[in-house]
Amino acid sequence: MTDGEQKIQQLFRAREVAERLGISLSFAKKLMRERRIQSIRIGTAVRVPLSEIERIEREGCGARGAA
């Protein structure tokens, strides 16, 4: 990739994030509100980039086993 190119990433809805991480939709949304899952806003839509999901799968975000 050259300096002028940007990497295009797949973006996921909260429901898709929850399914992939094995957590409830409401908990996924809570983690997004708390910025424990980084998301981006596109108009009124909120999406999570694939790189963030992969980071959470590697490192965790306190989602599993959290009360």
PDB file of N, CA and C in Angstrom:
ATOM      1  N   MET A   1       0.846  -1.176   0.000  1.00  0.00           N
ATOM      2  CA  MET A   1       0.000   0.000   0.000  1.00  0.00           C
ATOM      3  C   MET A   1       0.890   1.238   0.000  1.00  0.00           C
ATOM      4  N   THR A   2       0.562   2.195  -0.833  1.00  0.00           N
ATOM      5  CA  THR A   2       1.339   3.431  -0.904  1.00  0.00           C
ATOM      6  C   THR A   2       0.767   4.467   0.048  1.00  0.00           C
ATOM      7  N   ASP A   3       1.462   5.577   0.205  1.00  0.00           N
ATOM      8  CA  ASP A   3       1.028   6.631   1.121  1.00  0.00           C
ATOM      9  C   ASP A   3      -0.351   7.177   0.788  1.00  0.00           C
ATOM     10  N   GLY A   4      -0.691   7.239  -0.483  1.00  0.00           N
ATOM     11  CA  GLY A   4      -1.964   7.811  -0.899  1.00  0.00           C
ATOM     12  C   GLY A   4      -3.150   6.863  -0.806  1.00  0.00           C
ATOM     13  N   GLU A   5      -2.895   5.600  -0.559  1.00  0.00           N
ATOM     14  CA  GLU A   5      -3.976   4.618  -0.505  1.00  0.00           C
ATOM     15  C   GLU A   5      -4.481   4.466   0.920  1.00  0.00           C
ATOM     16  N   GLN A   6      -5.774   4.177   1.033  1.00  0.00           N
ATOM     17  CA  GLN A   6      -6.365   3.891   2.328  1.00  0.00           C
ATOM     18  C   GLN A   6      -6.885   2.467   2.315  1.00  0.00           C
ATOM     19  N   LYS A   7      -6.744   1.797   3.447  1.00  0.00           N
ATOM     20  CA  LYS A   7      -7.247   0.436   3.567  1.00  0.00           C
ATOM     21  C   LYS A   7      -8.741   0.507   3.879  1.00  0.00           C
ATOM     22  N   ILE A   8      -9.528  -0.192   3.101  1.00  0.00           N
ATOM     23  CA  ILE A   8     -10.964  -0.244   3.321  1.00  0.00           C
ATOM     24  C   ILE A   8     -11.254  -1.448   4.207  1.00  0.00           C
ATOM     25  N   GLN A   9     -11.970  -1.215   5.295  1.00  0.00           N
ATOM     26  CA  GLN A   9     -12.288  -2.276   6.239  1.00  0.00           C
ATOM     27  C   GLN A   9     -13.767  -2.592   6.231  1.00  0.00           C
ATOM     28  N   GLN A  10     -14.049  -3.834   6.539  1.00  0.00           N
ATOM     29  CA  GLN A  10     -15.432  -4.246   6.704  1.00  0.00           C
ATOM     30  C   GLN A  10     -15.941  -3.680   8.030  1.00  0.00           C
ATOM     31  N   LEU A  11     -17.172  -3.207   8.044  1.00  0.00           N
ATOM     32  CA  LEU A  11     -17.783  -2.635   9.234  1.00  0.00           C
ATOM     33  C   LEU A  11     -18.950  -3.511   9.671  1.00  0.00           C
ATOM     34  N   PHE A  12     -19.133  -3.633  10.988  1.00  0.00           N
ATOM     35  CA  PHE A  12     -20.147  -4.522  11.539  1.00  0.00           C
ATOM     36  C   PHE A  12     -21.144  -3.757  12.394  1.00  0.00           C
ATOM     37  N   ARG A  13     -22.392  -4.196  12.344  1.00  0.00           N
ATOM     38  CA  ARG A  13     -23.446  -3.667  13.208  1.00  0.00           C
ATOM     39  C   ARG A  13     -23.292  -4.263  14.598  1.00  0.00           C
ATOM     40  N   ALA A  14     -23.936  -3.640  15.582  1.00  0.00           N
ATOM     41  CA  ALA A  14     -23.853  -4.109  16.971  1.00  0.00           C
ATOM     42  C   ALA A  14     -24.293  -5.568  17.086  1.00  0.00           C
ATOM     43  N   ARG A  15     -25.349  -5.962  16.401  1.00  0.00           N
ATOM     44  CA  ARG A  15     -25.835  -7.340  16.467  1.00  0.00           C
ATOM     45  C   ARG A  15     -24.776  -8.324  15.959  1.00  0.00           C
ATOM     46  N   GLU A  16     -24.103  -7.958  14.888  1.00  0.00           N
ATOM     47  CA  GLU A  16     -23.062  -8.823  14.328  1.00  0.00           C
ATOM     48  C   GLU A  16     -21.863  -8.915  15.275  1.00  0.00           C
ATOM     49  N   VAL A  17     -21.529  -7.805  15.931  1.00  0.00           N
ATOM     50  CA  VAL A  17     -20.443  -7.798  16.911  1.00  0.00           C
ATOM     51  C   VAL A  17     -20.797  -8.735  18.061  1.00  0.00           C
ATOM     52  N   ALA A  18     -22.021  -8.616  18.565  1.00  0.00           N
ATOM     53  CA  ALA A  18     -22.469  -9.464  19.672  1.00  0.00           C
ATOM     54  C   ALA A  18     -22.391 -10.943  19.307  1.00  0.00           C
ATOM     55  N   GLU A  19     -22.857 -11.284  18.117  1.00  0.00           N
ATOM     56  CA  GLU A  19     -22.830 -12.680  17.682  1.00  0.00           C
ATOM     57  C   GLU A  19     -21.396 -13.185  17.572  1.00  0.00           C
ATOM     58  N   ARG A  20     -20.533 -12.388  17.001  1.00  0.00           N
ATOM     59  CA  ARG A  20     -19.141 -12.816  16.799  1.00  0.00           C
ATOM     60  C   ARG A  20     -18.402 -12.971  18.132  1.00  0.00           C
ATOM     61  N   LEU A  21     -18.699 -12.104  19.107  1.00  0.00           N
ATOM     62  CA  LEU A  21     -18.012 -12.157  20.397  1.00  0.00           C
ATOM     63  C   LEU A  21     -18.719 -13.070  21.399  1.00  0.00           C
ATOM     64  N   GLY A  22     -19.912 -13.543  21.056  1.00  0.00           N
ATOM     65  CA  GLY A  22     -20.639 -14.435  21.955  1.00  0.00           C
ATOM     66  C   GLY A  22     -21.205 -13.723  23.172  1.00  0.00           C
ATOM     67  N   ILE A  23     -21.651 -12.474  22.976  1.00  0.00           N
ATOM     68  CA  ILE A  23     -22.250 -11.690  24.053  1.00  0.00           C
ATOM     69  C   ILE A  23     -23.627 -11.224  23.600  1.00  0.00           C
ATOM     70  N   SER A  24     -24.409 -10.710  24.547  1.00  0.00           N
ATOM     71  CA  SER A  24     -25.745 -10.225  24.191  1.00  0.00           C
ATOM     72  C   SER A  24     -25.647  -8.903  23.433  1.00  0.00           C
ATOM     73  N   LEU A  25     -26.695  -8.604  22.688  1.00  0.00           N
ATOM     74  CA  LEU A  25     -26.754  -7.338  21.952  1.00  0.00           C
ATOM     75  C   LEU A  25     -26.705  -6.160  22.911  1.00  0.00           C
ATOM     76  N   SER A  26     -27.445  -6.237  24.000  1.00  0.00           N
ATOM     77  CA  SER A  26     -27.454  -5.114  24.941  1.00  0.00           C
ATOM     78  C   SER A  26     -26.077  -4.899  25.567  1.00  0.00           C
ATOM     79  N   PHE A  27     -25.345  -5.988  25.844  1.00  0.00           N
ATOM     80  CA  PHE A  27     -24.007  -5.844  26.412  1.00  0.00           C
ATOM     81  C   PHE A  27     -23.038  -5.276  25.382  1.00  0.00           C
ATOM     82  N   ALA A  28     -23.162  -5.691  24.126  1.00  0.00           N
ATOM     83  CA  ALA A  28     -22.323  -5.144  23.064  1.00  0.00           C
ATOM     84  C   ALA A  28     -22.553  -3.637  22.943  1.00  0.00           C
ATOM     85  N   LYS A  29     -23.812  -3.213  22.973  1.00  0.00           N
ATOM     86  CA  LYS A  29     -24.118  -1.782  22.886  1.00  0.00           C
ATOM     87  C   LYS A  29     -23.571  -1.021  24.088  1.00  0.00           C
ATOM     88  N   LYS A  30     -23.655  -1.638  25.277  1.00  0.00           N
ATOM     89  CA  LYS A  30     -23.117  -1.005  26.477  1.00  0.00           C
ATOM     90  C   LYS A  30     -21.606  -0.810  26.334  1.00  0.00           C
ATOM     91  N   LEU A  31     -20.898  -1.834  25.876  1.00  0.00           N
ATOM     92  CA  LEU A  31     -19.453  -1.734  25.703  1.00  0.00           C
ATOM     93  C   LEU A  31     -19.093  -0.673  24.665  1.00  0.00           C
ATOM     94  N   MET A  32     -19.920  -0.531  23.641  1.00  0.00           N
ATOM     95  CA  MET A  32     -19.691   0.502  22.631  1.00  0.00           C
ATOM     96  C   MET A  32     -19.917   1.894  23.231  1.00  0.00           C
ATOM     97  N   ARG A  33     -20.960   2.056  24.024  1.00  0.00           N
ATOM     98  CA  ARG A  33     -21.218   3.346  24.684  1.00  0.00           C
ATOM     99  C   ARG A  33     -20.076   3.726  25.623  1.00  0.00           C
ATOM    100  N   GLU A  34     -19.534   2.718  26.328  1.00  0.00           N
ATOM    101  CA  GLU A  34     -18.444   2.948  27.281  1.00  0.00           C
ATOM    102  C   GLU A  34     -17.085   3.068  26.591  1.00  0.00           C
ATOM    103  N   ARG A  35     -17.065   2.915  25.266  1.00  0.00           N
ATOM    104  CA  ARG A  35     -15.849   2.993  24.440  1.00  0.00           C
ATOM    105  C   ARG A  35     -14.870   1.864  24.753  1.00  0.00           C
ATOM    106  N   ARG A  36     -15.358   0.773  25.341  1.00  0.00           N
ATOM    107  CA  ARG A  36     -14.523  -0.411  25.531  1.00  0.00           C
ATOM    108  C   ARG A  36     -14.455  -1.180  24.217  1.00  0.00           C
ATOM    109  N   ILE A  37     -15.438  -0.971  23.362  1.00  0.00           N
ATOM    110  CA  ILE A  37     -15.398  -1.403  21.967  1.00  0.00           C
ATOM    111  C   ILE A  37     -15.433  -0.118  21.154  1.00  0.00           C
ATOM    112  N   GLN A  38     -14.372   0.136  20.399  1.00  0.00           N
ATOM    113  CA  GLN A  38     -14.281   1.363  19.600  1.00  0.00           C
ATOM    114  C   GLN A  38     -15.198   1.240  18.386  1.00  0.00           C
ATOM    115  N   SER A  39     -15.968   2.272  18.150  1.00  0.00           N
ATOM    116  CA  SER A  39     -16.903   2.267  17.024  1.00  0.00           C
ATOM    117  C   SER A  39     -16.811   3.601  16.296  1.00  0.00           C
ATOM    118  N   ILE A  40     -17.410   3.622  15.112  1.00  0.00           N
ATOM    119  CA  ILE A  40     -17.462   4.862  14.346  1.00  0.00           C
ATOM    120  C   ILE A  40     -18.917   5.151  13.991  1.00  0.00           C
ATOM    121  N   ARG A  41     -19.227   6.418  13.906  1.00  0.00           N
ATOM    122  CA  ARG A  41     -20.585   6.847  13.563  1.00  0.00           C
ATOM    123  C   ARG A  41     -20.585   7.302  12.116  1.00  0.00           C
ATOM    124  N   ILE A  42     -21.548   6.780  11.363  1.00  0.00           N
ATOM    125  CA  ILE A  42     -21.744   7.181   9.973  1.00  0.00           C
ATOM    126  C   ILE A  42     -23.191   7.661   9.896  1.00  0.00           C
ATOM    127  N   GLY A  43     -23.364   8.966   9.984  1.00  0.00           N
ATOM    128  CA  GLY A  43     -24.719   9.508  10.091  1.00  0.00           C
ATOM    129  C   GLY A  43     -25.304   9.066  11.427  1.00  0.00           C
ATOM    130  N   THR A  44     -26.428   8.366  11.382  1.00  0.00           N
ATOM    131  CA  THR A  44     -27.034   7.856  12.614  1.00  0.00           C
ATOM    132  C   THR A  44     -26.604   6.424  12.907  1.00  0.00           C
ATOM    133  N   ALA A  45     -25.921   5.800  11.970  1.00  0.00           N
ATOM    134  CA  ALA A  45     -25.484   4.411  12.135  1.00  0.00           C
ATOM    135  C   ALA A  45     -24.175   4.345  12.922  1.00  0.00           C
ATOM    136  N   VAL A  46     -24.057   3.325  13.751  1.00  0.00           N
ATOM    137  CA  VAL A  46     -22.827   3.081  14.498  1.00  0.00           C
ATOM    138  C   VAL A  46     -22.283   1.738  14.039  1.00  0.00           C
ATOM    139  N   ARG A  47     -21.001   1.714  13.669  1.00  0.00           N
ATOM    140  CA  ARG A  47     -20.383   0.492  13.152  1.00  0.00           C
ATOM    141  C   ARG A  47     -19.044   0.248  13.835  1.00  0.00           C
ATOM    142  N   VAL A  48     -18.660  -1.028  13.857  1.00  0.00           N
ATOM    143  CA  VAL A  48     -17.396  -1.440  14.453  1.00  0.00           C
ATOM    144  C   VAL A  48     -16.529  -2.032  13.348  1.00  0.00           C
ATOM    145  N   PRO A  49     -15.302  -1.530  13.182  1.00  0.00           N
ATOM    146  CA  PRO A  49     -14.425  -2.077  12.144  1.00  0.00           C
ATOM    147  C   PRO A  49     -13.921  -3.475  12.510  1.00  0.00           C
ATOM    148  N   LEU A  50     -13.650  -4.255  11.489  1.00  0.00           N
ATOM    149  CA  LEU A  50     -13.151  -5.613  11.675  1.00  0.00           C
ATOM    150  C   LEU A  50     -11.897  -5.626  12.540  1.00  0.00           C
ATOM    151  N   SER A  51     -11.012  -4.663  12.375  1.00  0.00           N
ATOM    152  CA  SER A  51      -9.772  -4.634  13.166  1.00  0.00           C
ATOM    153  C   SER A  51     -10.056  -4.544  14.661  1.00  0.00           C
ATOM    154  N   GLU A  52     -11.123  -3.851  15.045  1.00  0.00           N
ATOM    155  CA  GLU A  52     -11.487  -3.740  16.463  1.00  0.00           C
ATOM    156  C   GLU A  52     -12.024  -5.071  16.986  1.00  0.00           C
ATOM    157  N   ILE A  53     -12.826  -5.749  16.194  1.00  0.00           N
ATOM    158  CA  ILE A  53     -13.331  -7.067  16.602  1.00  0.00           C
ATOM    159  C   ILE A  53     -12.170  -8.042  16.765  1.00  0.00           C
ATOM    160  N   GLU A  54     -11.235  -8.015  15.836  1.00  0.00           N
ATOM    161  CA  GLU A  54     -10.070  -8.897  15.922  1.00  0.00           C
ATOM    162  C   GLU A  54      -9.222  -8.569  17.143  1.00  0.00           C
ATOM    163  N   ARG A  55      -9.099  -7.286  17.477  1.00  0.00           N
ATOM    164  CA  ARG A  55      -8.345  -6.888  18.669  1.00  0.00           C
ATOM    165  C   ARG A  55      -8.994  -7.449  19.924  1.00  0.00           C
ATOM    166  N   ILE A  56     -10.302  -7.340  19.997  1.00  0.00           N
ATOM    167  CA  ILE A  56     -11.030  -7.837  21.163  1.00  0.00           C
ATOM    168  C   ILE A  56     -10.901  -9.355  21.264  1.00  0.00           C
ATOM    169  N   GLU A  57     -10.968 -10.034  20.126  1.00  0.00           N
ATOM    170  CA  GLU A  57     -10.812 -11.491  20.136  1.00  0.00           C
ATOM    171  C   GLU A  57      -9.421 -11.889  20.640  1.00  0.00           C
ATOM    172  N   ARG A  58      -8.408 -11.094  20.313  1.00  0.00           N
ATOM    173  CA  ARG A  58      -7.037 -11.375  20.769  1.00  0.00           C
ATOM    174  C   ARG A  58      -6.829 -10.972  22.223  1.00  0.00           C
ATOM    175  N   GLU A  59      -7.199  -9.727  22.545  1.00  0.00           N
ATOM    176  CA  GLU A  59      -6.833  -9.122  23.829  1.00  0.00           C
ATOM    177  C   GLU A  59      -7.961  -9.120  24.846  1.00  0.00           C
ATOM    178  N   GLY A  60      -9.199  -9.160  24.379  1.00  0.00           N
ATOM    179  CA  GLY A  60     -10.345  -9.033  25.269  1.00  0.00           C
ATOM    180  C   GLY A  60     -10.619  -7.576  25.586  1.00  0.00           C
ATOM    181  N   CYS A  61     -11.786  -7.330  26.147  1.00  0.00           N
ATOM    182  CA  CYS A  61     -12.153  -5.969  26.543  1.00  0.00           C
ATOM    183  C   CYS A  61     -12.898  -6.002  27.854  1.00  0.00           C
ATOM    184  N   GLY A  62     -12.769  -7.112  28.566  1.00  0.00           N
ATOM    185  CA  GLY A  62     -13.504  -7.250  29.812  1.00  0.00           C
ATOM    186  C   GLY A  62     -14.909  -7.749  29.583  1.00  0.00           C
ATOM    187  N   ALA A  63     -15.214  -8.176  28.337  1.00  0.00           N
ATOM    188  CA  ALA A  63     -16.574  -8.601  28.019  1.00  0.00           C
ATOM    189  C   ALA A  63     -16.889  -9.974  28.589  1.00  0.00           C
ATOM    190  N   ARG A  64     -15.978 -10.885  28.502  1.00  0.00           N
ATOM    191  CA  ARG A  64     -16.240 -12.246  28.977  1.00  0.00           C
ATOM    192  C   ARG A  64     -16.093 -12.309  30.493  1.00  0.00           C
ATOM    193  N   GLY A  65     -17.119 -12.835  31.108  1.00  0.00           N
ATOM    194  CA  GLY A  65     -17.075 -13.019  32.553  1.00  0.00           C
ATOM    195  C   GLY A  65     -17.296 -11.757  33.342  1.00  0.00           C
ATOM    196  N   ALA A  66     -17.590 -10.658  32.680  1.00  0.00           N
ATOM    197  CA  ALA A  66     -17.837  -9.405  33.397  1.00  0.00           C
ATOM    198  C   ALA A  66     -19.246  -9.414  33.953  1.00  0.00           C
ATOM    199  N   ALA A  67     -19.407  -8.817  35.123  1.00  0.00           N
ATOM    200  CA  ALA A  67     -20.733  -8.785  35.749  1.00  0.00           C
ATOM    201  C   ALA A  67     -21.421  -7.482  35.462  1.00  0.00           C
TER     202      ALA A  67
END
